[in-house]
Amino acid sequence: YPSQITGIYNSVQQMFRLHVDACRCIPGEVRRTLESLKDSSSSRGGRKQYWIDSAKRLGLVDTEHGIYFSRDPTKPPPSVDVG
C-alpha cells in the first residue's frame, strides 16, 4: 500500500500490471472493458493528478503514519463546485 496519496496512482498501475493482466479469473467481457478504459485514458494528461485530487476529495490525507481519513468515510464526500 502507498504511504502517501501521491503514490496511489502508481500502486493501482502496479496492481494492473501484476494482477489484472495475469489473473485468469477475470471474465473476458470485464477484461475487454478494462483494456478499453486503459487504452482510452493512456493519452490523457493529468491522470496521476486525478487520483490525487480524488483521494483528497474522499477525505484522505498524508500523515507521518501513512494515509488516513480526515473525515468520516461512511458519509458522502462534499459536492464539487463546477462553476
N, C-alpha and C. Protein backbone atom coordinates (compact mmCIF):
# COMPACT_ATOMS: atom_id res chain seq x y z
N TYR A 1 0.84 -1.19 0.00
CA TYR A 1 0.00 0.00 0.00
C TYR A 1 0.88 1.25 0.00
N PRO A 2 0.43 2.29 -0.67
CA PRO A 2 1.24 3.52 -0.70
C PRO A 2 1.23 4.21 0.66
N SER A 3 2.30 4.92 0.95
CA SER A 3 2.39 5.64 2.22
C SER A 3 1.92 7.09 2.08
N GLN A 4 1.76 7.55 0.84
CA GLN A 4 1.28 8.91 0.57
C GLN A 4 0.27 8.86 -0.56
N ILE A 5 -0.64 9.84 -0.58
CA ILE A 5 -1.67 9.83 -1.63
C ILE A 5 -1.07 10.01 -3.02
N THR A 6 0.11 10.61 -3.10
CA THR A 6 0.76 10.74 -4.41
C THR A 6 1.19 9.39 -4.97
N GLY A 7 1.21 8.35 -4.13
CA GLY A 7 1.61 7.02 -4.57
C GLY A 7 0.45 6.13 -4.97
N ILE A 8 -0.78 6.59 -4.81
CA ILE A 8 -1.95 5.77 -5.13
C ILE A 8 -1.96 5.40 -6.61
N TYR A 9 -1.74 6.35 -7.47
CA TYR A 9 -1.77 6.09 -8.92
C TYR A 9 -0.78 4.99 -9.29
N ASN A 10 0.45 5.09 -8.80
CA ASN A 10 1.47 4.09 -9.13
C ASN A 10 1.09 2.72 -8.57
N SER A 11 0.49 2.68 -7.40
CA SER A 11 0.07 1.41 -6.81
C SER A 11 -1.02 0.74 -7.64
N VAL A 12 -1.95 1.54 -8.14
CA VAL A 12 -3.02 0.98 -9.00
C VAL A 12 -2.42 0.48 -10.31
N GLN A 13 -1.50 1.24 -10.88
CA GLN A 13 -0.85 0.81 -12.12
C GLN A 13 -0.11 -0.51 -11.90
N GLN A 14 0.59 -0.62 -10.78
CA GLN A 14 1.32 -1.83 -10.47
C GLN A 14 0.36 -3.01 -10.26
N MET A 15 -0.79 -2.77 -9.61
CA MET A 15 -1.78 -3.82 -9.42
C MET A 15 -2.24 -4.35 -10.78
N PHE A 16 -2.49 -3.44 -11.72
CA PHE A 16 -2.91 -3.87 -13.05
C PHE A 16 -1.83 -4.70 -13.72
N ARG A 17 -0.59 -4.25 -13.63
CA ARG A 17 0.49 -4.99 -14.29
C ARG A 17 0.69 -6.37 -13.67
N LEU A 18 0.66 -6.45 -12.34
CA LEU A 18 0.99 -7.70 -11.67
C LEU A 18 -0.20 -8.64 -11.48
N HIS A 19 -1.39 -8.11 -11.34
CA HIS A 19 -2.53 -8.98 -11.05
C HIS A 19 -3.53 -9.05 -12.20
N VAL A 20 -4.10 -7.93 -12.54
CA VAL A 20 -5.19 -7.93 -13.52
C VAL A 20 -4.73 -8.52 -14.85
N ASP A 21 -3.56 -8.15 -15.31
CA ASP A 21 -3.08 -8.68 -16.58
C ASP A 21 -2.86 -10.19 -16.54
N ALA A 22 -2.53 -10.74 -15.37
CA ALA A 22 -2.23 -12.17 -15.26
C ALA A 22 -3.39 -13.01 -14.74
N CYS A 23 -4.38 -12.40 -14.13
CA CYS A 23 -5.46 -13.14 -13.48
C CYS A 23 -6.38 -13.79 -14.52
N ARG A 24 -6.56 -15.08 -14.42
CA ARG A 24 -7.41 -15.82 -15.34
C ARG A 24 -8.85 -15.90 -14.84
N CYS A 25 -9.14 -15.36 -13.68
CA CYS A 25 -10.50 -15.40 -13.11
C CYS A 25 -11.35 -14.22 -13.56
N ILE A 26 -10.74 -13.24 -14.22
CA ILE A 26 -11.50 -12.08 -14.69
C ILE A 26 -12.20 -12.47 -15.99
N PRO A 27 -13.53 -12.34 -16.03
CA PRO A 27 -14.26 -12.69 -17.25
C PRO A 27 -13.79 -11.88 -18.46
N GLY A 28 -13.86 -12.48 -19.63
CA GLY A 28 -13.40 -11.84 -20.86
C GLY A 28 -14.03 -10.49 -21.10
N GLU A 29 -15.32 -10.37 -20.85
CA GLU A 29 -16.01 -9.10 -21.06
C GLU A 29 -15.45 -8.01 -20.15
N VAL A 30 -15.20 -8.35 -18.90
CA VAL A 30 -14.62 -7.39 -17.94
C VAL A 30 -13.21 -7.03 -18.38
N ARG A 31 -12.44 -8.03 -18.79
CA ARG A 31 -11.07 -7.78 -19.25
C ARG A 31 -11.05 -6.83 -20.45
N ARG A 32 -11.96 -7.04 -21.40
CA ARG A 32 -12.03 -6.16 -22.58
C ARG A 32 -12.41 -4.73 -22.18
N THR A 33 -13.34 -4.61 -21.22
CA THR A 33 -13.72 -3.27 -20.74
C THR A 33 -12.53 -2.59 -20.09
N LEU A 34 -11.80 -3.31 -19.24
CA LEU A 34 -10.63 -2.74 -18.58
C LEU A 34 -9.58 -2.31 -19.61
N GLU A 35 -9.35 -3.14 -20.60
CA GLU A 35 -8.38 -2.79 -21.65
C GLU A 35 -8.82 -1.56 -22.41
N SER A 36 -10.12 -1.48 -22.71
CA SER A 36 -10.65 -0.33 -23.43
C SER A 36 -10.47 0.94 -22.62
N LEU A 37 -10.75 0.86 -21.34
CA LEU A 37 -10.59 2.03 -20.47
C LEU A 37 -9.12 2.42 -20.37
N LYS A 38 -8.26 1.44 -20.24
CA LYS A 38 -6.83 1.71 -20.14
C LYS A 38 -6.33 2.37 -21.42
N ASP A 39 -6.75 1.85 -22.58
CA ASP A 39 -6.32 2.42 -23.86
C ASP A 39 -6.87 3.83 -24.07
N SER A 40 -8.13 4.06 -23.68
CA SER A 40 -8.74 5.37 -23.92
C SER A 40 -8.16 6.44 -23.02
N SER A 41 -7.61 6.06 -21.87
CA SER A 41 -7.09 7.08 -20.95
C SER A 41 -5.57 7.20 -21.02
N SER A 42 -4.93 6.36 -21.83
CA SER A 42 -3.47 6.36 -21.84
C SER A 42 -2.87 7.65 -22.39
N SER A 43 -3.61 8.36 -23.24
CA SER A 43 -3.04 9.58 -23.82
C SER A 43 -3.48 10.84 -23.09
N ARG A 44 -4.31 10.70 -22.09
CA ARG A 44 -4.77 11.89 -21.35
C ARG A 44 -3.71 12.36 -20.38
N GLY A 45 -3.55 13.66 -20.29
CA GLY A 45 -2.63 14.22 -19.32
C GLY A 45 -3.30 14.32 -17.97
N GLY A 46 -2.52 14.40 -16.92
CA GLY A 46 -3.06 14.63 -15.59
C GLY A 46 -3.69 13.43 -14.91
N ARG A 47 -3.41 12.22 -15.40
CA ARG A 47 -4.03 11.04 -14.78
C ARG A 47 -3.62 10.91 -13.32
N LYS A 48 -2.35 11.10 -13.03
CA LYS A 48 -1.88 10.98 -11.65
C LYS A 48 -2.54 12.05 -10.79
N GLN A 49 -2.66 13.25 -11.32
CA GLN A 49 -3.28 14.34 -10.56
C GLN A 49 -4.75 14.02 -10.27
N TYR A 50 -5.43 13.35 -11.19
CA TYR A 50 -6.82 12.94 -10.97
C TYR A 50 -6.92 12.06 -9.73
N TRP A 51 -6.00 11.10 -9.59
CA TRP A 51 -6.03 10.20 -8.43
C TRP A 51 -5.74 10.97 -7.14
N ILE A 52 -4.83 11.91 -7.19
CA ILE A 52 -4.51 12.73 -6.02
C ILE A 52 -5.73 13.56 -5.62
N ASP A 53 -6.32 14.25 -6.59
CA ASP A 53 -7.49 15.09 -6.32
C ASP A 53 -8.66 14.26 -5.79
N SER A 54 -8.86 13.08 -6.37
CA SER A 54 -9.96 12.21 -5.94
C SER A 54 -9.74 11.73 -4.51
N ALA A 55 -8.51 11.37 -4.18
CA ALA A 55 -8.21 10.92 -2.81
C ALA A 55 -8.48 12.04 -1.81
N LYS A 56 -8.07 13.25 -2.16
CA LYS A 56 -8.30 14.39 -1.26
C LYS A 56 -9.79 14.66 -1.11
N ARG A 57 -10.54 14.54 -2.21
CA ARG A 57 -11.98 14.77 -2.14
C ARG A 57 -12.67 13.75 -1.25
N LEU A 58 -12.15 12.53 -1.25
CA LEU A 58 -12.70 11.49 -0.38
C LEU A 58 -12.33 11.71 1.09
N GLY A 59 -11.40 12.63 1.32
CA GLY A 59 -11.00 12.94 2.68
C GLY A 59 -9.71 12.28 3.11
N LEU A 60 -8.97 11.72 2.17
CA LEU A 60 -7.69 11.11 2.52
C LEU A 60 -6.63 12.19 2.68
N VAL A 61 -5.77 12.00 3.66
CA VAL A 61 -4.67 12.94 3.91
C VAL A 61 -3.41 12.16 4.23
N ASP A 62 -2.27 12.76 3.93
CA ASP A 62 -0.98 12.19 4.29
C ASP A 62 -0.68 12.54 5.74
N THR A 63 -0.19 11.57 6.50
CA THR A 63 0.28 11.81 7.85
C THR A 63 1.65 11.16 8.00
N GLU A 64 2.31 11.39 9.11
CA GLU A 64 3.61 10.75 9.32
C GLU A 64 3.47 9.24 9.51
N HIS A 65 2.23 8.76 9.70
CA HIS A 65 1.97 7.32 9.88
C HIS A 65 1.33 6.69 8.64
N GLY A 66 1.23 7.43 7.55
CA GLY A 66 0.62 6.92 6.33
C GLY A 66 -0.63 7.69 5.96
N ILE A 67 -1.45 7.10 5.12
CA ILE A 67 -2.67 7.75 4.63
C ILE A 67 -3.81 7.47 5.59
N TYR A 68 -4.53 8.52 5.95
CA TYR A 68 -5.68 8.38 6.85
C TYR A 68 -6.84 9.21 6.33
N PHE A 69 -8.05 8.89 6.81
CA PHE A 69 -9.21 9.71 6.51
C PHE A 69 -9.22 10.91 7.45
N SER A 70 -9.52 12.08 6.89
CA SER A 70 -9.64 13.29 7.71
C SER A 70 -11.11 13.57 8.03
N ARG A 71 -12.01 12.71 7.52
CA ARG A 71 -13.44 12.86 7.79
C ARG A 71 -14.04 11.47 7.90
N ASP A 72 -15.29 11.41 8.27
CA ASP A 72 -15.99 10.14 8.40
C ASP A 72 -16.19 9.53 7.00
N PRO A 73 -15.54 8.41 6.70
CA PRO A 73 -15.64 7.84 5.35
C PRO A 73 -16.99 7.21 5.04
N THR A 74 -17.83 7.06 6.04
CA THR A 74 -19.16 6.49 5.78
C THR A 74 -20.14 7.54 5.28
N LYS A 75 -19.77 8.80 5.37
CA LYS A 75 -20.60 9.90 4.87
C LYS A 75 -20.19 10.23 3.44
N PRO A 76 -21.12 10.73 2.62
CA PRO A 76 -20.75 11.08 1.24
C PRO A 76 -19.72 12.21 1.20
N PRO A 77 -18.88 12.21 0.18
CA PRO A 77 -17.91 13.31 0.05
C PRO A 77 -18.62 14.62 -0.25
N PRO A 78 -17.97 15.73 0.02
CA PRO A 78 -18.60 17.03 -0.29
C PRO A 78 -18.83 17.18 -1.79
N SER A 79 -19.83 17.96 -2.14
CA SER A 79 -20.12 18.17 -3.56
C SER A 79 -19.01 19.00 -4.19
N VAL A 80 -18.87 18.81 -5.48
CA VAL A 80 -17.84 19.54 -6.24
C VAL A 80 -18.49 20.76 -6.86
N ASP A 81 -17.87 21.92 -6.65
CA ASP A 81 -18.35 23.16 -7.25
C ASP A 81 -17.80 23.25 -8.66
N VAL A 82 -18.66 23.09 -9.67
CA VAL A 82 -18.22 23.06 -11.05
C VAL A 82 -18.34 24.44 -11.69
N GLY A 83 -18.74 25.42 -10.96
CA GLY A 83 -18.97 26.75 -11.52
C GLY A 83 -17.79 27.56 -11.53
